[in-house]
Amino acid sequence: MKNQLENIAQDLEKVEEILSNLLTGSYLESNINDMCLRVVKAGGKRIRPKLAIIAYHALNKKEFYKRALNFAAATELLHTATLVHDDVIDKADCRRGKETLNNTDGNHAAVLAGDYLFTKCFMCLHDVDKPQLYKEVSNTLSALVSGEINQLENQGKIDITIEDYLETIYCKTGALFELTTSGVAILTDSTNEEVTALKEYGKQLGIAFQVADDILDYTSDKDKLGKPVGEDLFDGRITLPLIYALEDPCIDHALLKDAIEHNKLDIVLDCIKKSNAIEKAYEFAINAATKAKDSLKCLKQSEYVQMLCDLADHAVKRDN
């Protein structure tokens, strides 16, 4: 496993070089490049590039190495672009413990920086002659926009269902994870079975990751999260822990609803703590992680496939 981990680390260093090269060297674009580099270098976990690289190694298609690295960089640029736009929409002033672009440079500049990152994402894919991949990228972008609109429409609605919640988190998180893993299979000429398997893996991993993220919003602290605890509540987002708390017969529903509507975080946290909401949400996330791992059974077992399984487990168990 040590050699495999070293390979992944070296590959991620090359992805960093690609990201830096894409956002440097042009005098005419120096201002926007500087802004984008600040965001790209702001300490992200590089989960999506890491996923893409591990999936590439799991498929054992060595002849597509350069293409896989460029795709890995593209997924990070796409993800970062959506974060920049999300921060504008949410009026966020902090992400990963650092000031957001909309806070330092204003909303107009931040929106343009997000658009610019989208163009750089497609530059990473310019030499890939795969219509199916471009279709998947377009579908992912559509899902990301739909997810943001659904979230805005559901903002402040206390009666949203688990189905509503799942649709939103798939669009906001699962779709990009799905693209990251299945996209590698597409660009390496893998079988339809492998593409389908990695697509399901990415989808379920994204669900597990987002549910765990929503749990942490009520159980972690600002230093670990890099953002204020209870941010979902203040933004009017009803996530799985709150849905389960509102269903718990042991909780005073009128008290909890009033606390949600008036952003009384202490009361909300107390109700969640007294309910079985966190336990049920963890169970939901674990179930999604199990589905993700099960989807990989058609792949030839290797230490890289095991890494993908370990990432599914870690998505649920992480603390930030």
Protein backbone atom coordinates (compact mmCIF):
# COMPACT_ATOMS: atom_id res chain seq x y z
CA MET A 1 0.00 0.00 0.00
CA LYS A 2 2.94 2.34 0.70
CA ASN A 3 3.99 2.42 -2.96
CA GLN A 4 0.43 3.12 -4.05
CA LEU A 5 0.12 6.02 -1.62
CA GLU A 6 3.39 7.45 -2.90
CA ASN A 7 2.11 7.16 -6.48
CA ILE A 8 -1.07 9.04 -5.59
CA ALA A 9 0.90 11.76 -3.79
CA GLN A 10 3.20 12.21 -6.80
CA ASP A 11 0.23 12.34 -9.17
CA LEU A 12 -1.47 14.98 -7.02
CA GLU A 13 1.71 17.07 -7.16
CA LYS A 14 1.47 16.96 -10.95
CA VAL A 15 -2.17 18.01 -10.75
CA GLU A 16 -1.07 20.99 -8.65
CA GLU A 17 1.42 21.91 -11.36
CA ILE A 18 -1.34 21.77 -13.98
CA LEU A 19 -3.57 24.01 -11.86
CA SER A 20 -0.78 26.52 -11.27
CA ASN A 21 0.25 26.59 -14.94
CA LEU A 22 -3.33 27.20 -16.02
CA LEU A 23 -3.58 30.22 -13.74
CA THR A 24 -0.22 31.87 -14.37
CA GLY A 25 1.80 33.25 -17.25
CA SER A 26 -0.75 35.49 -18.93
CA TYR A 27 -0.11 39.21 -18.39
CA LEU A 28 -3.52 40.21 -19.78
CA GLU A 29 -5.26 37.88 -17.33
CA SER A 30 -3.00 38.47 -14.35
CA ASN A 31 -5.64 40.02 -12.08
CA ILE A 32 -8.22 37.29 -12.57
CA ASN A 33 -5.53 34.62 -12.39
CA ASP A 34 -4.32 35.98 -9.04
CA MET A 35 -7.86 35.89 -7.68
CA CYS A 36 -8.45 32.34 -8.88
CA LEU A 37 -5.10 31.11 -7.59
CA ARG A 38 -5.98 32.42 -4.12
CA VAL A 39 -9.08 30.25 -4.12
CA VAL A 40 -7.46 27.18 -5.68
CA LYS A 41 -4.56 27.35 -3.21
CA ALA A 42 -6.78 28.04 -0.17
CA GLY A 43 -6.27 24.64 1.37
CA GLY A 44 -8.84 22.43 -0.31
CA LYS A 45 -8.68 18.70 0.33
CA ARG A 46 -8.41 17.84 -3.38
CA ILE A 47 -10.95 15.05 -2.87
CA ARG A 48 -12.14 15.04 -6.48
CA PRO A 49 -8.67 14.96 -8.13
CA LYS A 50 -7.65 12.26 -5.68
CA LEU A 51 -10.75 10.25 -6.58
CA ALA A 52 -10.06 10.63 -10.29
CA ILE A 53 -6.46 9.49 -9.92
CA ILE A 54 -7.29 6.48 -7.74
CA ALA A 55 -10.07 5.45 -10.14
CA TYR A 56 -7.59 5.73 -13.03
CA HIS A 57 -5.12 3.44 -11.26
CA ALA A 58 -7.92 1.04 -10.29
CA LEU A 59 -8.78 0.67 -13.99
CA ASN A 60 -5.09 0.04 -14.79
CA LYS A 61 -5.08 2.03 -18.03
CA LYS A 62 -1.51 3.32 -17.94
CA GLU A 63 -1.53 4.68 -21.51
CA PHE A 64 -4.03 7.39 -20.49
CA TYR A 65 -1.89 8.87 -17.71
CA LYS A 66 -1.60 12.45 -18.97
CA ARG A 67 -5.26 12.57 -19.91
CA ALA A 68 -6.22 11.34 -16.43
CA LEU A 69 -4.11 14.04 -14.75
CA ASN A 70 -5.72 16.77 -16.85
CA PHE A 71 -9.16 15.41 -16.05
CA ALA A 72 -8.31 15.35 -12.35
CA ALA A 73 -7.33 19.03 -12.55
CA ALA A 74 -10.56 19.78 -14.45
CA THR A 75 -12.68 18.32 -11.66
CA GLU A 76 -10.99 20.56 -9.10
CA LEU A 77 -11.49 23.65 -11.26
CA LEU A 78 -15.15 22.78 -11.78
CA HIS A 79 -15.64 22.24 -8.05
CA THR A 80 -13.83 25.47 -7.15
CA ALA A 81 -15.89 27.47 -9.66
CA THR A 82 -19.10 26.26 -8.04
CA LEU A 83 -17.78 27.16 -4.58
CA VAL A 84 -16.99 30.71 -5.70
CA HIS A 85 -20.52 31.13 -7.05
CA ASP A 86 -22.04 29.47 -3.97
CA ASP A 87 -20.23 31.95 -1.72
CA VAL A 88 -21.75 34.84 -3.66
CA ILE A 89 -25.25 33.36 -3.40
CA ASP A 90 -24.84 32.55 0.30
CA LYS A 91 -23.11 35.89 1.04
CA ALA A 92 -20.40 33.89 2.78
CA ASP A 93 -17.40 35.78 4.09
CA CYS A 94 -15.28 32.77 5.06
CA ARG A 95 -14.42 29.38 3.57
CA ARG A 96 -11.74 26.96 4.80
CA GLY A 97 -10.83 29.55 7.39
CA LYS A 98 -10.02 32.21 4.77
CA GLU A 99 -11.90 35.16 3.34
CA THR A 100 -14.01 34.48 0.27
CA LEU A 101 -13.49 36.29 -3.03
CA ASN A 102 -16.85 38.03 -2.74
CA ASN A 103 -15.73 39.37 0.63
CA THR A 104 -12.32 40.61 -0.56
CA ASP A 105 -13.05 41.59 -4.17
CA GLY A 106 -16.82 42.02 -4.35
CA ASN A 107 -19.64 39.99 -5.88
CA HIS A 108 -19.09 41.10 -9.50
CA ALA A 109 -15.43 40.10 -9.50
CA ALA A 110 -16.19 36.81 -7.72
CA VAL A 111 -18.85 35.82 -10.27
CA LEU A 112 -16.43 36.57 -13.11
CA ALA A 113 -13.70 34.58 -11.37
CA GLY A 114 -16.06 31.60 -11.10
CA ASP A 115 -16.90 31.89 -14.80
CA TYR A 116 -13.19 32.07 -15.62
CA LEU A 117 -12.54 28.87 -13.65
CA PHE A 118 -15.22 27.11 -15.70
CA THR A 119 -13.36 28.07 -18.92
CA LYS A 120 -10.10 26.73 -17.49
CA CYS A 121 -11.87 23.49 -16.63
CA PHE A 122 -12.77 22.97 -20.28
CA MET A 123 -9.23 23.89 -21.35
CA CYS A 124 -8.03 20.84 -19.41
CA LEU A 125 -10.26 18.67 -21.59
CA HIS A 126 -9.52 20.25 -24.98
CA ASP A 127 -7.57 17.25 -26.31
CA VAL A 128 -10.10 14.63 -25.21
CA ASP A 129 -12.15 13.42 -28.18
CA LYS A 130 -14.95 11.84 -26.15
CA PRO A 131 -18.46 13.15 -26.90
CA GLN A 132 -19.85 11.00 -24.06
CA LEU A 133 -17.55 12.73 -21.57
CA TYR A 134 -18.61 16.20 -22.71
CA LYS A 135 -22.23 15.09 -22.41
CA GLU A 136 -21.57 13.96 -18.83
CA VAL A 137 -19.84 17.26 -18.00
CA SER A 138 -22.84 19.18 -19.40
CA ASN A 139 -25.25 16.99 -17.42
CA THR A 140 -23.22 17.63 -14.28
CA LEU A 141 -23.30 21.39 -14.80
CA SER A 142 -27.07 21.21 -15.30
CA ALA A 143 -27.42 19.20 -12.09
CA LEU A 144 -25.28 21.68 -10.14
CA VAL A 145 -27.46 24.59 -11.26
CA SER A 146 -30.66 22.62 -10.58
CA GLY A 147 -29.39 21.76 -7.11
CA GLU A 148 -28.74 25.40 -6.29
CA ILE A 149 -32.19 26.41 -7.56
CA ASN A 150 -33.85 23.59 -5.58
CA GLN A 151 -32.01 24.71 -2.48
CA LEU A 152 -33.17 28.30 -2.97
CA GLU A 153 -36.76 27.17 -3.52
CA ASN A 154 -36.66 25.02 -0.38
CA GLN A 155 -34.94 27.67 1.72
CA GLY A 156 -36.72 27.98 5.04
CA LYS A 157 -39.23 25.22 4.25
CA ILE A 158 -39.54 23.03 7.32
CA ASP A 159 -41.70 20.36 5.68
CA ILE A 160 -39.28 19.15 2.99
CA THR A 161 -39.08 15.38 2.58
CA ILE A 162 -36.08 13.08 2.56
CA GLU A 163 -36.69 12.67 -1.19
CA ASP A 164 -36.45 16.47 -1.65
CA TYR A 165 -33.25 16.49 0.39
CA LEU A 166 -31.72 13.61 -1.58
CA GLU A 167 -32.47 15.32 -4.89
CA THR A 168 -30.72 18.47 -3.70
CA ILE A 169 -27.61 16.75 -2.33
CA TYR A 170 -27.29 14.60 -5.45
CA CYS A 171 -27.32 17.72 -7.61
CA LYS A 172 -24.99 19.69 -5.32
CA THR A 173 -22.48 16.95 -4.47
CA GLY A 174 -23.27 13.50 -5.85
CA ALA A 175 -23.36 14.56 -9.50
CA LEU A 176 -19.79 15.90 -9.45
CA PHE A 177 -18.48 12.86 -7.58
CA GLU A 178 -20.29 10.72 -10.15
CA LEU A 179 -18.62 12.61 -13.00
CA THR A 180 -15.21 12.40 -11.34
CA THR A 181 -15.15 8.62 -11.12
CA SER A 182 -17.14 7.65 -14.23
CA GLY A 183 -15.41 10.32 -16.34
CA VAL A 184 -12.08 8.58 -15.83
CA ALA A 185 -13.63 5.33 -17.03
CA ILE A 186 -15.02 7.06 -20.13
CA LEU A 187 -11.78 8.77 -21.14
CA THR A 188 -9.76 5.55 -20.66
CA ASP A 189 -12.01 3.52 -23.01
CA SER A 190 -13.26 1.30 -20.19
CA THR A 191 -16.21 -1.07 -20.56
CA ASN A 192 -19.81 0.03 -20.06
CA GLU A 193 -19.91 -2.14 -16.94
CA GLU A 194 -16.92 -0.30 -15.48
CA VAL A 195 -18.37 3.11 -16.37
CA THR A 196 -21.69 2.18 -14.73
CA ALA A 197 -19.96 0.79 -11.64
CA LEU A 198 -17.83 3.88 -11.09
CA LYS A 199 -20.80 6.14 -11.78
CA GLU A 200 -22.81 4.45 -9.02
CA TYR A 201 -19.78 4.52 -6.74
CA GLY A 202 -19.38 8.28 -7.22
CA LYS A 203 -23.09 8.94 -6.72
CA GLN A 204 -23.29 6.98 -3.46
CA LEU A 205 -19.98 8.36 -2.23
CA GLY A 206 -21.28 11.88 -2.83
CA ILE A 207 -24.43 11.15 -0.85
CA ALA A 208 -22.42 9.70 2.05
CA PHE A 209 -20.03 12.65 1.97
CA GLN A 210 -22.78 15.30 1.96
CA VAL A 211 -24.84 13.64 4.70
CA ALA A 212 -21.70 13.44 6.84
CA ASP A 213 -21.03 17.11 6.07
CA ASP A 214 -24.55 18.04 7.17
CA ILE A 215 -24.08 16.07 10.40
CA LEU A 216 -20.82 17.91 11.12
CA ASP A 217 -22.63 21.24 10.76
CA TYR A 218 -24.40 20.38 14.03
CA THR A 219 -21.74 18.32 15.81
CA SER A 220 -18.33 19.83 15.00
CA ASP A 221 -16.79 23.23 15.73
CA LYS A 222 -15.65 26.24 13.71
CA ASP A 223 -11.93 25.44 13.99
CA LYS A 224 -12.39 22.00 12.42
CA LEU A 225 -15.01 23.01 9.86
CA GLY A 226 -13.41 26.25 8.72
CA LYS A 227 -16.89 27.83 8.83
CA PRO A 228 -19.41 28.66 11.56
CA VAL A 229 -21.33 25.79 13.18
CA GLY A 230 -25.03 25.89 12.33
CA GLU A 231 -24.45 27.67 9.03
CA ASP A 232 -27.09 25.49 7.35
CA LEU A 233 -29.65 26.68 9.90
CA PHE A 234 -28.81 30.35 9.41
CA ASP A 235 -29.01 29.91 5.63
CA GLY A 236 -32.43 28.28 5.88
CA ARG A 237 -31.24 24.83 4.76
CA ILE A 238 -33.19 21.94 6.24
CA THR A 239 -30.80 19.00 6.13
CA LEU A 240 -31.13 15.36 7.18
CA PRO A 241 -30.39 15.84 10.91
CA LEU A 242 -33.20 18.39 11.16
CA ILE A 243 -35.58 16.27 9.07
CA TYR A 244 -35.04 13.34 11.43
CA ALA A 245 -35.29 15.55 14.53
CA LEU A 246 -38.63 16.90 13.29
CA GLU A 247 -39.85 13.30 12.91
CA ASP A 248 -38.76 12.21 16.38
CA PRO A 249 -41.84 11.72 18.62
CA CYS A 250 -39.80 12.54 21.74
CA ILE A 251 -39.13 16.12 20.60
CA ASP A 252 -41.37 19.16 21.13
CA HIS A 253 -42.02 19.85 17.45
CA ALA A 254 -43.55 23.28 18.04
CA LEU A 255 -40.49 24.36 20.02
CA LEU A 256 -38.10 23.01 17.37
CA LYS A 257 -40.00 24.60 14.48
CA ASP A 258 -40.00 27.96 16.24
CA ALA A 259 -36.26 27.63 16.91
CA ILE A 260 -35.60 26.81 13.24
CA GLU A 261 -37.71 29.72 11.99
CA HIS A 262 -35.98 32.20 14.34
CA ASN A 263 -32.42 30.78 14.07
CA LYS A 264 -32.22 29.81 17.74
CA LEU A 265 -29.17 27.59 17.35
CA ASP A 266 -28.87 26.61 21.04
CA ILE A 267 -32.41 25.25 21.13
CA VAL A 268 -31.98 23.47 17.78
CA LEU A 269 -28.75 21.84 18.97
CA ASP A 270 -30.43 20.78 22.21
CA CYS A 271 -33.36 19.20 20.33
CA ILE A 272 -31.02 17.38 17.96
CA LYS A 273 -29.00 16.11 20.90
CA LYS A 274 -32.14 14.80 22.66
CA SER A 275 -33.41 13.09 19.50
CA ASN A 276 -32.08 10.12 17.55
CA ALA A 277 -31.45 12.36 14.52
CA ILE A 278 -27.66 12.13 14.43
CA GLU A 279 -27.66 8.35 14.84
CA LYS A 280 -30.21 7.93 12.04
CA ALA A 281 -28.31 10.33 9.77
CA TYR A 282 -25.07 8.42 10.37
CA GLU A 283 -26.88 5.18 9.55
CA PHE A 284 -28.08 6.74 6.30
CA ALA A 285 -24.53 7.84 5.40
CA ILE A 286 -23.08 4.42 6.25
CA ASN A 287 -25.69 2.75 4.03
CA ALA A 288 -24.70 4.99 1.11
CA ALA A 289 -21.01 4.22 1.70
CA THR A 290 -21.81 0.50 1.68
CA LYS A 291 -23.63 0.86 -1.66
CA ALA A 292 -20.60 2.72 -3.03
CA LYS A 293 -18.26 -0.12 -2.05
CA ASP A 294 -20.62 -2.80 -3.35
CA SER A 295 -20.73 -1.14 -6.77
CA LEU A 296 -17.01 -1.84 -7.25
CA LYS A 297 -17.35 -5.63 -7.17
CA CYS A 298 -17.07 -5.88 -10.96
CA LEU A 299 -13.59 -4.31 -10.90
CA LYS A 300 -10.50 -6.48 -10.57
CA GLN A 301 -9.51 -6.30 -6.93
CA SER A 302 -6.36 -4.31 -6.21
CA GLU A 303 -4.97 -1.99 -3.58
CA TYR A 304 -6.33 0.95 -5.59
CA VAL A 305 -9.85 -0.50 -5.50
CA GLN A 306 -9.37 -0.93 -1.75
CA MET A 307 -8.41 2.76 -1.57
CA LEU A 308 -11.75 3.65 -3.15
CA CYS A 309 -13.50 1.51 -0.52
CA ASP A 310 -11.49 3.18 2.24
CA LEU A 311 -12.45 6.61 0.92
CA ALA A 312 -16.12 5.65 1.19
CA ASP A 313 -15.62 4.69 4.83
CA HIS A 314 -13.62 7.83 5.53
CA ALA A 315 -16.33 10.03 3.98
CA VAL A 316 -18.60 9.01 6.85
CA LYS A 317 -16.05 8.92 9.67
CA ARG A 318 -14.23 12.21 8.97
CA ASP A 319 -14.37 15.09 11.46
CA ASN A 320 -14.03 18.04 9.06
